[in-house]
Amino acid sequence: MENDKRELRRNQDKLVTIGMGVITFSIWSIIRFFTQAFLNKDEIISNFWETVGELPEDMMEYMSDAVILLIYFGIVSIFMLIEVAIEFYVGLSAKAEGMGKKKGILYLIISVILAILNLMSTITMLDFSKSFAEIHYKPLERVALALIDLTYFVVLVEMVFAAIKVKKLKRMIQEKMNGAPA
């Protein structure tokens, strides 16, 4: 039983560390987005005009480059806020479970979904035949970002396995304590 408790503590510590890692990656995604958007603001503006085409004359006087960027940042920031909130929930839930609080499986389900989406995004980024990726990233940038994204994928998968192990060990220890004579 002592080995089980030691294993439980090790996995709980791992969950605390990984939970903080998920939160850190969430902050990194914000920094990454705004850095890329700032560096590619001319492409954002030209893509807007290619997509929208011509606007009515009365709207054209209000559509400066600054307004286009504000609209773009406003819309994308809403989605970034949702993503960050989800990742903070996952990270804080993992940390809480690692500290001994009972958590459900919702954060694990969300983690698996995040891991799958992250892996799909990484594969898409690395597909050098895609013209969309060529517009936004140079090959070396894509490889570097893919390594970071793959690290995040591994963190999420490791978190899921550690959380499952913690839940099993807690149940097993509890059963041993209930079944042991007083």
N, C-alpha and C. Protein backbone atom coordinates (compact mmCIF):
# COMPACT_ATOMS: atom_id res chain seq x y z
N MET A 1 0.83 -1.20 0.00
CA MET A 1 0.00 0.00 0.00
C MET A 1 0.87 1.26 0.00
N GLU A 2 2.03 1.17 0.63
CA GLU A 2 2.94 2.32 0.64
C GLU A 2 3.41 2.67 -0.78
N ASN A 3 3.65 1.63 -1.58
CA ASN A 3 4.06 1.87 -2.97
C ASN A 3 2.95 2.57 -3.75
N ASP A 4 1.71 2.18 -3.47
CA ASP A 4 0.57 2.82 -4.14
C ASP A 4 0.48 4.29 -3.75
N LYS A 5 0.68 4.58 -2.47
CA LYS A 5 0.63 5.97 -2.01
C LYS A 5 1.76 6.80 -2.62
N ARG A 6 2.94 6.20 -2.73
CA ARG A 6 4.07 6.88 -3.35
C ARG A 6 3.78 7.17 -4.83
N GLU A 7 3.23 6.17 -5.51
CA GLU A 7 2.87 6.32 -6.92
C GLU A 7 1.78 7.38 -7.09
N LEU A 8 0.82 7.39 -6.18
CA LEU A 8 -0.24 8.40 -6.21
C LEU A 8 0.36 9.79 -6.05
N ARG A 9 1.23 9.95 -5.07
CA ARG A 9 1.85 11.27 -4.83
C ARG A 9 2.66 11.73 -6.04
N ARG A 10 3.39 10.82 -6.66
CA ARG A 10 4.20 11.16 -7.84
C ARG A 10 3.30 11.63 -9.00
N ASN A 11 2.20 10.92 -9.20
CA ASN A 11 1.29 11.31 -10.27
C ASN A 11 0.53 12.59 -9.94
N GLN A 12 0.24 12.81 -8.68
CA GLN A 12 -0.39 14.07 -8.28
C GLN A 12 0.57 15.25 -8.51
N ASP A 13 1.83 15.06 -8.16
CA ASP A 13 2.83 16.10 -8.41
C ASP A 13 2.95 16.38 -9.91
N LYS A 14 2.91 15.31 -10.68
CA LYS A 14 2.98 15.45 -12.14
C LYS A 14 1.79 16.26 -12.65
N LEU A 15 0.60 15.99 -12.10
CA LEU A 15 -0.60 16.74 -12.52
C LEU A 15 -0.48 18.23 -12.20
N VAL A 16 0.06 18.55 -11.04
CA VAL A 16 0.24 19.97 -10.67
C VAL A 16 1.17 20.64 -11.68
N THR A 17 2.29 19.99 -11.96
CA THR A 17 3.27 20.55 -12.89
C THR A 17 2.68 20.68 -14.30
N ILE A 18 2.02 19.64 -14.74
CA ILE A 18 1.44 19.66 -16.09
C ILE A 18 0.32 20.69 -16.18
N GLY A 19 -0.47 20.81 -15.12
CA GLY A 19 -1.53 21.82 -15.12
C GLY A 19 -0.97 23.22 -15.31
N MET A 20 0.14 23.50 -14.65
CA MET A 20 0.81 24.80 -14.83
C MET A 20 1.37 24.92 -16.25
N GLY A 21 1.82 23.78 -16.80
CA GLY A 21 2.31 23.78 -18.18
C GLY A 21 1.22 24.12 -19.17
N VAL A 22 0.02 23.60 -18.96
CA VAL A 22 -1.10 23.91 -19.85
C VAL A 22 -1.42 25.40 -19.79
N ILE A 23 -1.41 25.95 -18.60
CA ILE A 23 -1.66 27.39 -18.44
C ILE A 23 -0.56 28.19 -19.14
N THR A 24 0.67 27.76 -19.01
CA THR A 24 1.79 28.45 -19.66
C THR A 24 1.65 28.40 -21.18
N PHE A 25 1.28 27.24 -21.72
CA PHE A 25 1.06 27.14 -23.16
C PHE A 25 -0.09 28.04 -23.61
N SER A 26 -1.07 28.21 -22.76
CA SER A 26 -2.19 29.09 -23.08
C SER A 26 -1.71 30.54 -23.21
N ILE A 27 -0.87 30.95 -22.28
CA ILE A 27 -0.31 32.30 -22.34
C ILE A 27 0.59 32.43 -23.58
N TRP A 28 1.35 31.38 -23.88
CA TRP A 28 2.20 31.37 -25.07
C TRP A 28 1.36 31.56 -26.34
N SER A 29 0.19 30.93 -26.40
CA SER A 29 -0.63 31.05 -27.60
C SER A 29 -1.11 32.49 -27.81
N ILE A 30 -1.35 33.20 -26.73
CA ILE A 30 -1.73 34.62 -26.85
C ILE A 30 -0.56 35.44 -27.39
N ILE A 31 0.61 35.24 -26.80
CA ILE A 31 1.80 35.96 -27.24
C ILE A 31 2.10 35.64 -28.70
N ARG A 32 2.02 34.37 -29.04
CA ARG A 32 2.28 33.93 -30.42
C ARG A 32 1.32 34.58 -31.41
N PHE A 33 0.03 34.58 -31.07
CA PHE A 33 -0.96 35.17 -31.97
C PHE A 33 -0.68 36.65 -32.20
N PHE A 34 -0.54 37.41 -31.13
CA PHE A 34 -0.37 38.85 -31.29
C PHE A 34 0.96 39.20 -31.97
N THR A 35 1.99 38.42 -31.72
CA THR A 35 3.27 38.65 -32.40
C THR A 35 3.13 38.40 -33.89
N GLN A 36 2.52 37.27 -34.25
CA GLN A 36 2.34 36.95 -35.66
C GLN A 36 1.42 37.96 -36.34
N ALA A 37 0.37 38.35 -35.67
CA ALA A 37 -0.56 39.32 -36.25
C ALA A 37 0.12 40.67 -36.46
N PHE A 38 0.92 41.08 -35.50
CA PHE A 38 1.62 42.35 -35.63
C PHE A 38 2.61 42.30 -36.80
N LEU A 39 3.33 41.18 -36.92
CA LEU A 39 4.32 41.05 -37.99
C LEU A 39 3.67 40.88 -39.36
N ASN A 40 2.44 40.40 -39.39
CA ASN A 40 1.76 40.14 -40.66
C ASN A 40 0.57 41.06 -40.89
N LYS A 41 0.59 42.25 -40.30
CA LYS A 41 -0.57 43.12 -40.41
C LYS A 41 -0.86 43.55 -41.85
N ASP A 42 0.17 43.70 -42.68
CA ASP A 42 -0.07 44.05 -44.08
C ASP A 42 -0.80 42.93 -44.82
N GLU A 43 -0.44 41.68 -44.52
CA GLU A 43 -1.14 40.54 -45.13
C GLU A 43 -2.58 40.46 -44.66
N ILE A 44 -2.83 40.78 -43.39
CA ILE A 44 -4.19 40.77 -42.85
C ILE A 44 -5.04 41.77 -43.61
N ILE A 45 -4.50 42.95 -43.81
CA ILE A 45 -5.25 44.00 -44.51
C ILE A 45 -5.50 43.61 -45.97
N SER A 46 -4.48 43.10 -46.65
CA SER A 46 -4.67 42.72 -48.06
C SER A 46 -5.63 41.54 -48.18
N ASN A 47 -5.57 40.58 -47.25
CA ASN A 47 -6.52 39.47 -47.26
C ASN A 47 -7.94 39.95 -47.03
N PHE A 48 -8.10 40.96 -46.18
CA PHE A 48 -9.43 41.53 -45.94
C PHE A 48 -10.00 42.08 -47.24
N TRP A 49 -9.20 42.88 -47.95
CA TRP A 49 -9.70 43.49 -49.18
C TRP A 49 -9.95 42.46 -50.27
N GLU A 50 -9.12 41.40 -50.32
CA GLU A 50 -9.35 40.33 -51.29
C GLU A 50 -10.64 39.58 -50.98
N THR A 51 -10.91 39.39 -49.71
CA THR A 51 -12.09 38.64 -49.30
C THR A 51 -13.36 39.46 -49.45
N VAL A 52 -13.31 40.69 -49.00
CA VAL A 52 -14.50 41.54 -48.99
C VAL A 52 -14.77 42.14 -50.37
N GLY A 53 -13.72 42.48 -51.07
CA GLY A 53 -13.91 43.15 -52.36
C GLY A 53 -14.20 44.62 -52.13
N GLU A 54 -15.11 45.15 -52.90
CA GLU A 54 -15.45 46.57 -52.76
C GLU A 54 -16.63 46.73 -51.83
N LEU A 55 -16.57 47.77 -51.03
CA LEU A 55 -17.66 48.10 -50.12
C LEU A 55 -18.42 49.31 -50.67
N PRO A 56 -19.65 49.50 -50.22
CA PRO A 56 -20.37 50.71 -50.63
C PRO A 56 -19.57 51.96 -50.27
N GLU A 57 -19.71 52.98 -51.09
CA GLU A 57 -18.91 54.20 -50.94
C GLU A 57 -19.02 54.83 -49.55
N ASP A 58 -20.22 54.82 -48.96
CA ASP A 58 -20.38 55.44 -47.64
C ASP A 58 -19.63 54.68 -46.55
N MET A 59 -19.39 53.38 -46.75
CA MET A 59 -18.62 52.60 -45.78
C MET A 59 -17.12 52.75 -46.00
N MET A 60 -16.72 53.03 -47.23
CA MET A 60 -15.30 53.09 -47.56
C MET A 60 -14.57 54.18 -46.77
N GLU A 61 -15.24 55.29 -46.49
CA GLU A 61 -14.56 56.37 -45.78
C GLU A 61 -14.24 56.00 -44.33
N TYR A 62 -14.94 55.00 -43.78
CA TYR A 62 -14.69 54.58 -42.41
C TYR A 62 -13.72 53.40 -42.31
N MET A 63 -13.41 52.78 -43.43
CA MET A 63 -12.61 51.56 -43.42
C MET A 63 -11.12 51.84 -43.65
N SER A 64 -10.50 52.41 -42.68
CA SER A 64 -9.06 52.61 -42.76
C SER A 64 -8.36 51.31 -42.35
N ASP A 65 -7.06 51.25 -42.55
CA ASP A 65 -6.31 50.07 -42.15
C ASP A 65 -6.43 49.82 -40.65
N ALA A 66 -6.45 50.89 -39.87
CA ALA A 66 -6.57 50.76 -38.42
C ALA A 66 -7.91 50.13 -38.03
N VAL A 67 -8.97 50.53 -38.71
CA VAL A 67 -10.29 49.98 -38.42
C VAL A 67 -10.34 48.49 -38.78
N ILE A 68 -9.75 48.13 -39.92
CA ILE A 68 -9.70 46.73 -40.33
C ILE A 68 -8.96 45.90 -39.29
N LEU A 69 -7.82 46.41 -38.84
CA LEU A 69 -7.05 45.69 -37.82
C LEU A 69 -7.81 45.59 -36.50
N LEU A 70 -8.51 46.65 -36.12
CA LEU A 70 -9.31 46.61 -34.89
C LEU A 70 -10.42 45.57 -34.99
N ILE A 71 -11.08 45.51 -36.12
CA ILE A 71 -12.13 44.50 -36.33
C ILE A 71 -11.52 43.11 -36.25
N TYR A 72 -10.42 42.92 -36.96
CA TYR A 72 -9.73 41.62 -36.97
C TYR A 72 -9.33 41.22 -35.55
N PHE A 73 -8.65 42.12 -34.84
CA PHE A 73 -8.20 41.80 -33.49
C PHE A 73 -9.39 41.59 -32.55
N GLY A 74 -10.46 42.33 -32.74
CA GLY A 74 -11.65 42.16 -31.91
C GLY A 74 -12.28 40.79 -32.08
N ILE A 75 -12.46 40.38 -33.33
CA ILE A 75 -13.08 39.08 -33.60
C ILE A 75 -12.18 37.95 -33.12
N VAL A 76 -10.92 38.02 -33.47
CA VAL A 76 -10.00 36.94 -33.10
C VAL A 76 -9.79 36.91 -31.59
N SER A 77 -9.79 38.06 -30.95
CA SER A 77 -9.61 38.11 -29.49
C SER A 77 -10.75 37.40 -28.76
N ILE A 78 -11.94 37.47 -29.31
CA ILE A 78 -13.07 36.75 -28.69
C ILE A 78 -12.80 35.25 -28.70
N PHE A 79 -12.34 34.75 -29.85
CA PHE A 79 -12.03 33.32 -29.94
C PHE A 79 -10.83 32.95 -29.08
N MET A 80 -9.85 33.84 -29.02
CA MET A 80 -8.68 33.59 -28.18
C MET A 80 -9.09 33.53 -26.70
N LEU A 81 -10.00 34.41 -26.31
CA LEU A 81 -10.47 34.43 -24.93
C LEU A 81 -11.17 33.12 -24.59
N ILE A 82 -11.96 32.61 -25.51
CA ILE A 82 -12.63 31.32 -25.29
C ILE A 82 -11.59 30.21 -25.17
N GLU A 83 -10.61 30.20 -26.07
CA GLU A 83 -9.56 29.17 -26.02
C GLU A 83 -8.78 29.24 -24.72
N VAL A 84 -8.40 30.44 -24.32
CA VAL A 84 -7.62 30.61 -23.09
C VAL A 84 -8.44 30.19 -21.87
N ALA A 85 -9.73 30.53 -21.86
CA ALA A 85 -10.58 30.14 -20.74
C ALA A 85 -10.67 28.61 -20.63
N ILE A 86 -10.80 27.95 -21.77
CA ILE A 86 -10.86 26.48 -21.77
C ILE A 86 -9.54 25.90 -21.28
N GLU A 87 -8.43 26.42 -21.78
CA GLU A 87 -7.12 25.90 -21.38
C GLU A 87 -6.83 26.19 -19.91
N PHE A 88 -7.26 27.35 -19.42
CA PHE A 88 -7.10 27.64 -17.99
C PHE A 88 -7.93 26.68 -17.16
N TYR A 89 -9.14 26.39 -17.62
CA TYR A 89 -9.99 25.43 -16.90
C TYR A 89 -9.30 24.07 -16.82
N VAL A 90 -8.77 23.60 -17.95
CA VAL A 90 -8.09 22.31 -17.98
C VAL A 90 -6.87 22.34 -17.06
N GLY A 91 -6.05 23.38 -17.18
CA GLY A 91 -4.84 23.47 -16.36
C GLY A 91 -5.13 23.57 -14.87
N LEU A 92 -6.10 24.40 -14.51
CA LEU A 92 -6.44 24.55 -13.10
C LEU A 92 -7.10 23.29 -12.54
N SER A 93 -7.88 22.61 -13.38
CA SER A 93 -8.50 21.35 -12.93
C SER A 93 -7.44 20.29 -12.68
N ALA A 94 -6.46 20.19 -13.58
CA ALA A 94 -5.38 19.22 -13.38
C ALA A 94 -4.60 19.56 -12.12
N LYS A 95 -4.33 20.83 -11.93
CA LYS A 95 -3.60 21.26 -10.74
C LYS A 95 -4.39 20.94 -9.47
N ALA A 96 -5.70 21.21 -9.51
CA ALA A 96 -6.54 20.93 -8.34
C ALA A 96 -6.59 19.44 -8.03
N GLU A 97 -6.73 18.62 -9.07
CA GLU A 97 -6.74 17.18 -8.84
C GLU A 97 -5.39 16.71 -8.30
N GLY A 98 -4.33 17.32 -8.78
CA GLY A 98 -3.00 16.98 -8.28
C GLY A 98 -2.82 17.37 -6.82
N MET A 99 -3.57 18.35 -6.39
CA MET A 99 -3.48 18.78 -4.99
C MET A 99 -4.47 18.04 -4.09
N GLY A 100 -5.13 17.04 -4.67
CA GLY A 100 -5.99 16.20 -3.85
C GLY A 100 -7.47 16.49 -3.93
N LYS A 101 -7.88 17.50 -4.67
CA LYS A 101 -9.30 17.81 -4.80
C LYS A 101 -9.93 16.85 -5.81
N LYS A 102 -11.16 16.50 -5.57
CA LYS A 102 -11.85 15.57 -6.47
C LYS A 102 -12.37 16.36 -7.66
N LYS A 103 -11.98 15.92 -8.85
CA LYS A 103 -12.44 16.54 -10.09
C LYS A 103 -13.12 15.49 -10.94
N GLY A 104 -14.07 15.92 -11.75
CA GLY A 104 -14.75 15.00 -12.66
C GLY A 104 -13.89 14.70 -13.87
N ILE A 105 -14.52 14.15 -14.88
CA ILE A 105 -13.77 13.79 -16.08
C ILE A 105 -13.92 14.80 -17.21
N LEU A 106 -14.70 15.86 -16.99
CA LEU A 106 -14.93 16.83 -18.06
C LEU A 106 -13.62 17.43 -18.56
N TYR A 107 -12.75 17.79 -17.65
CA TYR A 107 -11.49 18.40 -18.08
C TYR A 107 -10.62 17.42 -18.86
N LEU A 108 -10.78 16.13 -18.56
CA LEU A 108 -10.03 15.12 -19.32
C LEU A 108 -10.59 14.97 -20.74
N ILE A 109 -11.90 15.02 -20.85
CA ILE A 109 -12.52 14.95 -22.18
C ILE A 109 -12.10 16.16 -23.01
N ILE A 110 -12.14 17.33 -22.40
CA ILE A 110 -11.71 18.55 -23.09
C ILE A 110 -10.24 18.45 -23.47
N SER A 111 -9.43 17.86 -22.60
CA SER A 111 -7.99 17.71 -22.88
C SER A 111 -7.77 16.82 -24.10
N VAL A 112 -8.51 15.74 -24.19
CA VAL A 112 -8.38 14.85 -25.35
C VAL A 112 -8.78 15.59 -26.62
N ILE A 113 -9.86 16.36 -26.56
CA ILE A 113 -10.29 17.14 -27.73
C ILE A 113 -9.22 18.16 -28.10
N LEU A 114 -8.67 18.86 -27.11
CA LEU A 114 -7.60 19.83 -27.37
C LEU A 114 -6.38 19.15 -28.00
N ALA A 115 -6.04 17.98 -27.50
CA ALA A 115 -4.89 17.26 -28.03
C ALA A 115 -5.11 16.87 -29.49
N ILE A 116 -6.30 16.38 -29.81
CA ILE A 116 -6.62 16.00 -31.19
C ILE A 116 -6.58 17.22 -32.10
N LEU A 117 -7.21 18.32 -31.67
CA LEU A 117 -7.21 19.54 -32.48
C LEU A 117 -5.79 20.07 -32.67
N ASN A 118 -5.01 20.00 -31.61
CA ASN A 118 -3.62 20.46 -31.69
C ASN A 118 -2.82 19.62 -32.67
N LEU A 119 -3.00 18.32 -32.62
CA LEU A 119 -2.29 17.44 -33.53
C LEU A 119 -2.71 17.68 -34.98
N MET A 120 -4.00 17.86 -35.20
CA MET A 120 -4.50 18.15 -36.56
C MET A 120 -3.93 19.47 -37.08
N SER A 121 -3.89 20.47 -36.22
CA SER A 121 -3.33 21.77 -36.60
C SER A 121 -1.85 21.66 -36.94
N THR A 122 -1.13 20.88 -36.15
CA THR A 122 0.31 20.69 -36.39
C THR A 122 0.55 19.99 -37.72
N ILE A 123 -0.23 18.96 -37.99
CA ILE A 123 -0.09 18.23 -39.25
C ILE A 123 -0.38 19.15 -40.43
N THR A 124 -1.41 19.97 -40.30
CA THR A 124 -1.75 20.93 -41.36
C THR A 124 -0.63 21.93 -41.57
N MET A 125 -0.05 22.40 -40.47
CA MET A 125 1.04 23.38 -40.56
C MET A 125 2.26 22.79 -41.25
N LEU A 126 2.50 21.51 -41.02
CA LEU A 126 3.68 20.87 -41.59
C LEU A 126 3.48 20.41 -43.04
N ASP A 127 2.24 20.46 -43.51
CA ASP A 127 1.98 20.05 -44.89
C ASP A 127 2.47 21.16 -45.81
N PHE A 128 3.65 20.98 -46.36
CA PHE A 128 4.28 22.02 -47.16
C PHE A 128 3.59 22.24 -48.50
N SER A 129 2.66 21.38 -48.87
CA SER A 129 1.96 21.58 -50.14
C SER A 129 0.81 22.57 -49.99
N LYS A 130 0.45 22.89 -48.76
CA LYS A 130 -0.66 23.82 -48.53
C LYS A 130 -0.22 25.25 -48.79
N SER A 131 -0.92 25.95 -49.64
CA SER A 131 -0.55 27.32 -49.94
C SER A 131 -0.87 28.24 -48.76
N PHE A 132 -1.91 27.91 -47.97
CA PHE A 132 -2.25 28.73 -46.81
C PHE A 132 -1.07 28.81 -45.85
N ALA A 133 -0.45 27.67 -45.59
CA ALA A 133 0.70 27.65 -44.68
C ALA A 133 1.87 28.43 -45.25
N GLU A 134 2.06 28.36 -46.56
CA GLU A 134 3.17 29.07 -47.18
C GLU A 134 3.01 30.59 -47.07
N ILE A 135 1.78 31.05 -47.03
CA ILE A 135 1.54 32.48 -46.91
C ILE A 135 2.00 32.98 -45.54
N HIS A 136 1.71 32.21 -44.49
CA HIS A 136 1.93 32.70 -43.14
C HIS A 136 3.26 32.30 -42.51
N TYR A 137 3.85 31.21 -42.94
CA TYR A 137 5.06 30.74 -42.28
C TYR A 137 6.13 30.35 -43.29
N LYS A 138 7.34 30.66 -42.95
CA LYS A 138 8.47 30.14 -43.71
C LYS A 138 8.71 28.71 -43.21
N PRO A 139 9.38 27.87 -44.01
CA PRO A 139 9.55 26.46 -43.61
C PRO A 139 10.19 26.29 -42.22
N LEU A 140 11.22 27.04 -41.92
CA LEU A 140 11.87 26.89 -40.62
C LEU A 140 10.93 27.31 -39.48
N GLU A 141 10.15 28.36 -39.71
CA GLU A 141 9.18 28.80 -38.70
C GLU A 141 8.14 27.71 -38.46
N ARG A 142 7.70 27.08 -39.54
CA ARG A 142 6.70 26.02 -39.41
C ARG A 142 7.24 24.85 -38.59
N VAL A 143 8.47 24.48 -38.83
CA VAL A 143 9.06 23.36 -38.08
C VAL A 143 9.20 23.74 -36.60
N ALA A 144 9.66 24.95 -36.33
CA ALA A 144 9.82 25.40 -34.94
C ALA A 144 8.47 25.44 -34.22
N LEU A 145 7.46 26.02 -34.88
CA LEU A 145 6.13 26.08 -34.27
C LEU A 145 5.53 24.69 -34.11
N ALA A 146 5.80 23.82 -35.06
CA ALA A 146 5.29 22.45 -34.96
C ALA A 146 5.91 21.73 -33.77
N LEU A 147 7.19 21.95 -33.52
CA LEU A 147 7.83 21.33 -32.35
C LEU A 147 7.20 21.82 -31.05
N ILE A 148 6.90 23.09 -31.00
CA ILE A 148 6.24 23.64 -29.81
C ILE A 148 4.84 23.04 -29.67
N ASP A 149 4.11 22.98 -30.78
CA ASP A 149 2.76 22.41 -30.74
C ASP A 149 2.78 20.92 -30.39
N LEU A 150 3.76 20.21 -30.90
CA LEU A 150 3.88 18.79 -30.55
C LEU A 150 4.20 18.61 -29.07
N THR A 151 4.99 19.52 -28.52
CA THR A 151 5.27 19.49 -27.09
C THR A 151 3.98 19.68 -26.29
N TYR A 152 3.14 20.59 -26.74
CA TYR A 152 1.86 20.83 -26.08
C TYR A 152 0.98 19.58 -26.18
N PHE A 153 1.01 18.93 -27.33
CA PHE A 153 0.26 17.68 -27.51
C PHE A 153 0.72 16.64 -26.49
N VAL A 154 2.04 16.48 -26.35
CA VAL A 154 2.59 15.51 -25.40
C VAL A 154 2.19 15.87 -23.97
N VAL A 155 2.20 17.16 -23.65
CA VAL A 155 1.80 17.61 -22.31
C VAL A 155 0.35 17.22 -22.04
N LEU A 156 -0.53 17.45 -23.01
CA LEU A 156 -1.94 17.11 -22.82
C LEU A 156 -2.14 15.60 -22.65
N VAL A 157 -1.47 14.82 -23.48
CA VAL A 157 -1.60 13.36 -23.39
C VAL A 157 -1.05 12.87 -22.05
N GLU A 158 0.09 13.38 -21.65
CA GLU A 158 0.69 12.99 -20.37
C GLU A 158 -0.24 13.36 -19.21
N MET A 159 -0.91 14.50 -19.31
CA MET A 159 -1.83 14.92 -18.27
C MET A 159 -3.01 13.95 -18.17
N VAL A 160 -3.54 13.54 -19.30
CA VAL A 160 -4.67 12.60 -19.29
C VAL A 160 -4.25 11.28 -18.64
N PHE A 161 -3.09 10.75 -19.03
CA PHE A 161 -2.64 9.49 -18.45
C PHE A 161 -2.37 9.62 -16.95
N ALA A 162 -1.78 10.73 -16.52
CA ALA A 162 -1.51 10.93 -15.09
C ALA A 162 -2.81 11.06 -14.31
N ALA A 163 -3.79 11.75 -14.87
CA ALA A 163 -5.07 11.93 -14.18
C ALA A 163 -5.81 10.59 -14.05
N ILE A 164 -5.77 9.79 -15.10
CA ILE A 164 -6.41 8.47 -15.04
C ILE A 164 -5.72 7.61 -13.98
N LYS A 165 -4.40 7.68 -13.96
CA LYS A 165 -3.63 6.91 -12.97
C LYS A 165 -3.97 7.37 -11.55
N VAL A 166 -4.10 8.67 -11.33
CA VAL A 166 -4.45 9.21 -10.01
C VAL A 166 -5.82 8.70 -9.59
N LYS A 167 -6.78 8.76 -10.51
CA LYS A 167 -8.13 8.29 -10.18
C LYS A 167 -8.14 6.80 -9.83
N LYS A 168 -7.41 5.99 -10.59
CA LYS A 168 -7.34 4.55 -10.32
C LYS A 168 -6.65 4.27 -8.99
N LEU A 169 -5.55 4.95 -8.73
CA LEU A 169 -4.82 4.73 -7.48
C LEU A 169 -5.64 5.16 -6.27
N LYS A 170 -6.34 6.27 -6.38
CA LYS A 170 -7.19 6.71 -5.26
C LYS A 170 -8.26 5.66 -4.96
N ARG A 171 -8.88 5.17 -6.03
CA ARG A 171 -9.92 4.15 -5.86
C ARG A 171 -9.33 2.88 -5.24
N MET A 172 -8.16 2.46 -5.72
CA MET A 172 -7.52 1.25 -5.23
C MET A 172 -7.12 1.40 -3.75
N ILE A 173 -6.56 2.52 -3.38
CA ILE A 173 -6.16 2.78 -1.99
C ILE A 173 -7.39 2.80 -1.09
N GLN A 174 -8.45 3.44 -1.58
CA GLN A 174 -9.70 3.52 -0.80
C GLN A 174 -10.28 2.13 -0.59
N GLU A 175 -10.26 1.29 -1.63
CA GLU A 175 -10.76 -0.08 -1.50
C GLU A 175 -9.93 -0.88 -0.51
N LYS A 176 -8.61 -0.71 -0.54
CA LYS A 176 -7.74 -1.42 0.40
C LYS A 176 -8.01 -0.98 1.83
N MET A 177 -8.25 0.32 2.03
CA MET A 177 -8.50 0.83 3.37
C MET A 177 -9.87 0.35 3.88
N ASN A 178 -10.85 0.30 3.00
CA ASN A 178 -12.19 -0.16 3.41
C ASN A 178 -12.21 -1.67 3.66
N GLY A 179 -11.38 -2.39 2.92
CA GLY A 179 -11.35 -3.85 3.06
C GLY A 179 -10.43 -4.32 4.17
N ALA A 180 -9.56 -3.46 4.67
CA ALA A 180 -8.59 -3.86 5.71
C ALA A 180 -9.29 -3.92 7.06
N PRO A 181 -8.92 -4.90 7.87
CA PRO A 181 -9.52 -4.99 9.21
C PRO A 181 -9.04 -3.82 10.09
N ALA A 182 -9.92 -3.36 10.97
CA ALA A 182 -9.62 -2.21 11.81
C ALA A 182 -8.73 -2.52 12.97
